[in-house]
Every structure is written in structure tokens, then in C-alpha cells.
Amino acid sequence: MAHCEHVTKPADIADFVLYIKTWGDMVHHHHSMEETEAFPQWDEIAKAGGASESITSRNIEQHHAFEVGFEDFRTYAEEMQGGKAEYDGKKVKAMLESFAAVLNEHLHDEVTMILDMEKYDGVALKKVMDAAAQKSINSADPVLFPMKAWLEGH
């Protein structure tokens, strides 16, 4: 965030806007895959292991808590990339600041949630994680997210 207002050269702006757009699309894709693929199955595994409530609901609530600001940010990046909006470093910074605290809290809480899952069926949880990761890789934009090609090469 600290550098948004210092990006001023046209080539740097183009690169930064591509970075913003790619990052936003990646985070959106990641959260969508979590909510549709991993979280429902993790909740089932946890309930089978004795959990009395959803172990992922807090993460979903956090996704929704920063969703409006985050989607506005993604839209602005798309508009800049498409030539419908001009880059404004102050605006980029303000937009990031509008959801950064909640996103930061979410990232920390998600790690805690994952660590707390150690008391459940690890083999089943890993199977869900692997399947969700593969589906995520297969459904990602191959131009912006060349992970599949990279993984196949390693």
C-alpha cells in the first residue's frame, strides 16, 4: 500500500495494474474454491470427528466482510486495465485500506483454523485439500496462473 502513490511511469503503472488485477483474480478464485470445494467437506469431516458446529464459518464470514471493498478494487483494476479508468495511486491505496485489516485478520485466522484441524481425520482432510487444489489449478486462467504447467514440470 505504501508504494501505490509512487507508481507514476506509464510502463510501471501498466505492470502494477496487471499485478493488482492478477492478485485480485487469484484471491477471488482461491476463496471461491475454498467455499465451494474444501470448506463444506472439511465441515463434514470435522462433524464426523466430533465438532458441534462449522469449523469454517468464521472464514466464510470474513470473506463476506471484505467482499464489497475487495470486489470494488477488482472492478477498478479491470477498468484500469481495459482503459476505462485512469490509475490513481491515492484511490488504489484508499481502496486497499478499506478492506486490508479484515483481510489481514482473515489470513491469520485461517492459519489458526487449519492448525486446529489436526484433531480430525488428517488423511481425509488432505484428500479434500489435494482434490480442491487440483480443481483450482485446472479451473484457473492458464495465462495468468501458469501453475499447472509449472507443477507438471517439477
Protein backbone atom coordinates (compact mmCIF):
# COMPACT_ATOMS: atom_id res chain seq x y z
CA MET A 1 0.00 0.00 0.00
CA ALA A 2 2.84 2.33 0.80
CA HIS A 3 4.01 2.42 -2.81
CA CYS A 4 0.68 2.98 -4.62
CA GLU A 5 1.14 6.73 -4.81
CA HIS A 6 4.71 6.44 -6.08
CA VAL A 7 3.90 4.45 -9.22
CA THR A 8 3.94 7.18 -11.87
CA LYS A 9 5.65 5.99 -15.06
CA PRO A 10 3.25 4.61 -17.68
CA ALA A 11 5.10 1.30 -18.01
CA ASP A 12 5.22 0.89 -14.22
CA ILE A 13 1.54 1.72 -13.96
CA ALA A 14 0.69 -0.91 -16.59
CA ASP A 15 2.76 -3.51 -14.74
CA PHE A 16 1.30 -2.58 -11.37
CA VAL A 17 -2.26 -2.68 -12.69
CA LEU A 18 -1.59 -6.14 -14.16
CA TYR A 19 -0.24 -7.22 -10.76
CA ILE A 20 -3.29 -5.79 -8.96
CA LYS A 21 -5.69 -7.48 -11.39
CA THR A 22 -3.88 -10.82 -11.23
CA TRP A 23 -3.67 -10.74 -7.43
CA GLY A 24 -7.35 -9.85 -7.12
CA ASP A 25 -8.42 -12.59 -9.52
CA MET A 26 -6.23 -15.13 -7.73
CA VAL A 27 -7.63 -14.27 -4.29
CA HIS A 28 -11.18 -14.34 -5.65
CA HIS A 29 -10.59 -17.74 -7.27
CA HIS A 30 -8.96 -19.08 -4.10
CA HIS A 31 -11.85 -18.01 -1.86
CA SER A 32 -14.43 -19.35 -4.31
CA MET A 33 -12.69 -22.72 -4.35
CA GLU A 34 -12.47 -22.79 -0.57
CA GLU A 35 -16.16 -22.05 -0.14
CA THR A 36 -17.41 -24.46 -2.83
CA GLU A 37 -14.90 -27.29 -2.64
CA ALA A 38 -12.90 -27.51 0.59
CA PHE A 39 -14.94 -25.89 3.37
CA PRO A 40 -18.15 -27.94 3.04
CA GLN A 41 -16.19 -31.18 3.06
CA TRP A 42 -13.93 -30.08 5.90
CA ASP A 43 -17.02 -29.29 7.95
CA GLU A 44 -18.37 -32.80 7.27
CA ILE A 45 -15.09 -34.38 8.35
CA ALA A 46 -14.95 -32.24 11.47
CA LYS A 47 -18.55 -33.08 12.41
CA ALA A 48 -17.78 -36.78 11.94
CA GLY A 49 -14.83 -36.20 14.29
CA GLY A 50 -16.98 -34.61 16.98
CA ALA A 51 -17.20 -30.93 16.06
CA SER A 52 -20.51 -29.48 17.18
CA GLU A 53 -20.53 -26.64 14.63
CA SER A 54 -18.92 -25.50 11.41
CA ILE A 55 -15.16 -25.07 11.65
CA THR A 56 -15.10 -22.90 8.51
CA SER A 57 -17.98 -20.48 9.12
CA ARG A 58 -15.73 -17.76 10.57
CA ASN A 59 -13.61 -17.81 7.42
CA ILE A 60 -16.68 -17.52 5.21
CA GLU A 61 -17.98 -14.63 7.33
CA GLN A 62 -14.62 -12.91 6.91
CA HIS A 63 -14.71 -13.44 3.12
CA HIS A 64 -18.05 -11.64 3.07
CA ALA A 65 -16.84 -8.91 5.45
CA PHE A 66 -14.27 -7.65 2.94
CA GLU A 67 -16.07 -8.75 -0.21
CA VAL A 68 -17.61 -5.38 -1.19
CA GLY A 69 -14.37 -3.40 -0.88
CA PHE A 70 -12.37 -6.20 -2.47
CA GLU A 71 -14.76 -6.52 -5.43
CA ASP A 72 -14.74 -2.73 -5.92
CA PHE A 73 -10.94 -2.96 -6.00
CA ARG A 74 -11.05 -5.79 -8.58
CA THR A 75 -13.52 -3.82 -10.71
CA TYR A 76 -11.31 -0.74 -10.62
CA ALA A 77 -8.29 -2.85 -11.66
CA GLU A 78 -10.28 -4.29 -14.56
CA GLU A 79 -11.41 -0.82 -15.61
CA MET A 80 -7.84 0.48 -15.49
CA GLN A 81 -6.57 -2.49 -17.46
CA GLY A 82 -9.32 -2.00 -20.05
CA GLY A 83 -8.66 1.72 -20.41
CA LYS A 84 -11.99 2.73 -18.83
CA ALA A 85 -10.32 4.28 -15.77
CA GLU A 86 -7.07 6.11 -15.11
CA TYR A 87 -4.63 4.95 -12.46
CA ASP A 88 -4.91 6.97 -9.26
CA GLY A 89 -2.45 5.89 -6.57
CA LYS A 90 -4.40 7.62 -3.80
CA LYS A 91 -7.55 5.79 -4.85
CA VAL A 92 -5.75 2.43 -5.02
CA LYS A 93 -4.34 2.99 -1.55
CA ALA A 94 -7.72 4.04 -0.12
CA MET A 95 -9.43 1.05 -1.67
CA LEU A 96 -6.82 -1.34 -0.23
CA GLU A 97 -7.09 0.29 3.17
CA SER A 98 -10.87 -0.19 3.12
CA PHE A 99 -10.51 -3.96 3.42
CA ALA A 100 -6.90 -4.62 4.42
CA ALA A 101 -7.50 -5.01 8.17
CA VAL A 102 -10.26 -7.57 7.72
CA LEU A 103 -8.25 -9.45 5.07
CA ASN A 104 -5.21 -9.49 7.35
CA GLU A 105 -7.28 -10.82 10.26
CA HIS A 106 -8.76 -13.45 7.94
CA LEU A 107 -5.35 -14.67 6.79
CA HIS A 108 -4.19 -15.09 10.39
CA ASP A 109 -7.42 -16.75 11.49
CA GLU A 110 -7.36 -19.16 8.55
CA VAL A 111 -3.94 -20.44 9.61
CA THR A 112 -5.30 -20.98 13.12
CA MET A 113 -8.31 -22.84 11.72
CA ILE A 114 -6.08 -25.13 9.68
CA LEU A 115 -3.82 -25.82 12.66
CA ASP A 116 -6.87 -26.57 14.83
CA MET A 117 -7.96 -29.23 12.32
CA GLU A 118 -5.17 -31.55 13.45
CA LYS A 119 -7.61 -33.28 15.82
CA TYR A 120 -9.70 -34.54 12.87
CA ASP A 121 -9.06 -37.20 10.22
CA GLY A 122 -5.87 -35.92 8.62
CA VAL A 123 -5.96 -38.36 5.72
CA ALA A 124 -9.49 -37.31 4.78
CA LEU A 125 -8.69 -33.61 5.20
CA LYS A 126 -5.61 -33.93 2.99
CA LYS A 127 -7.60 -35.79 0.35
CA VAL A 128 -10.08 -32.89 0.23
CA MET A 129 -7.24 -30.36 0.13
CA ASP A 130 -5.49 -32.17 -2.71
CA ALA A 131 -8.69 -32.50 -4.76
CA ALA A 132 -9.60 -28.84 -4.19
CA ALA A 133 -6.08 -27.75 -5.12
CA GLN A 134 -6.17 -29.79 -8.32
CA LYS A 135 -9.59 -28.44 -9.25
CA SER A 136 -8.34 -24.93 -8.52
CA ILE A 137 -5.31 -25.39 -10.75
CA ASN A 138 -7.42 -26.88 -13.54
CA SER A 139 -10.00 -24.09 -13.42
CA ALA A 140 -7.59 -21.16 -13.12
CA ASP A 141 -6.80 -18.90 -16.07
CA PRO A 142 -3.78 -20.61 -17.69
CA VAL A 143 -2.39 -17.30 -18.96
CA LEU A 144 -2.39 -15.56 -15.59
CA PHE A 145 -1.90 -18.65 -13.45
CA PRO A 146 0.54 -21.00 -15.19
CA MET A 147 0.71 -23.18 -12.07
CA LYS A 148 -0.42 -26.34 -13.84
CA ALA A 149 2.42 -26.10 -16.36
CA TRP A 150 4.87 -25.30 -13.58
CA LEU A 151 3.72 -28.25 -11.47
CA GLU A 152 3.90 -30.61 -14.42
CA GLY A 153 7.49 -29.50 -14.98
CA HIS A 154 8.53 -30.32 -11.39
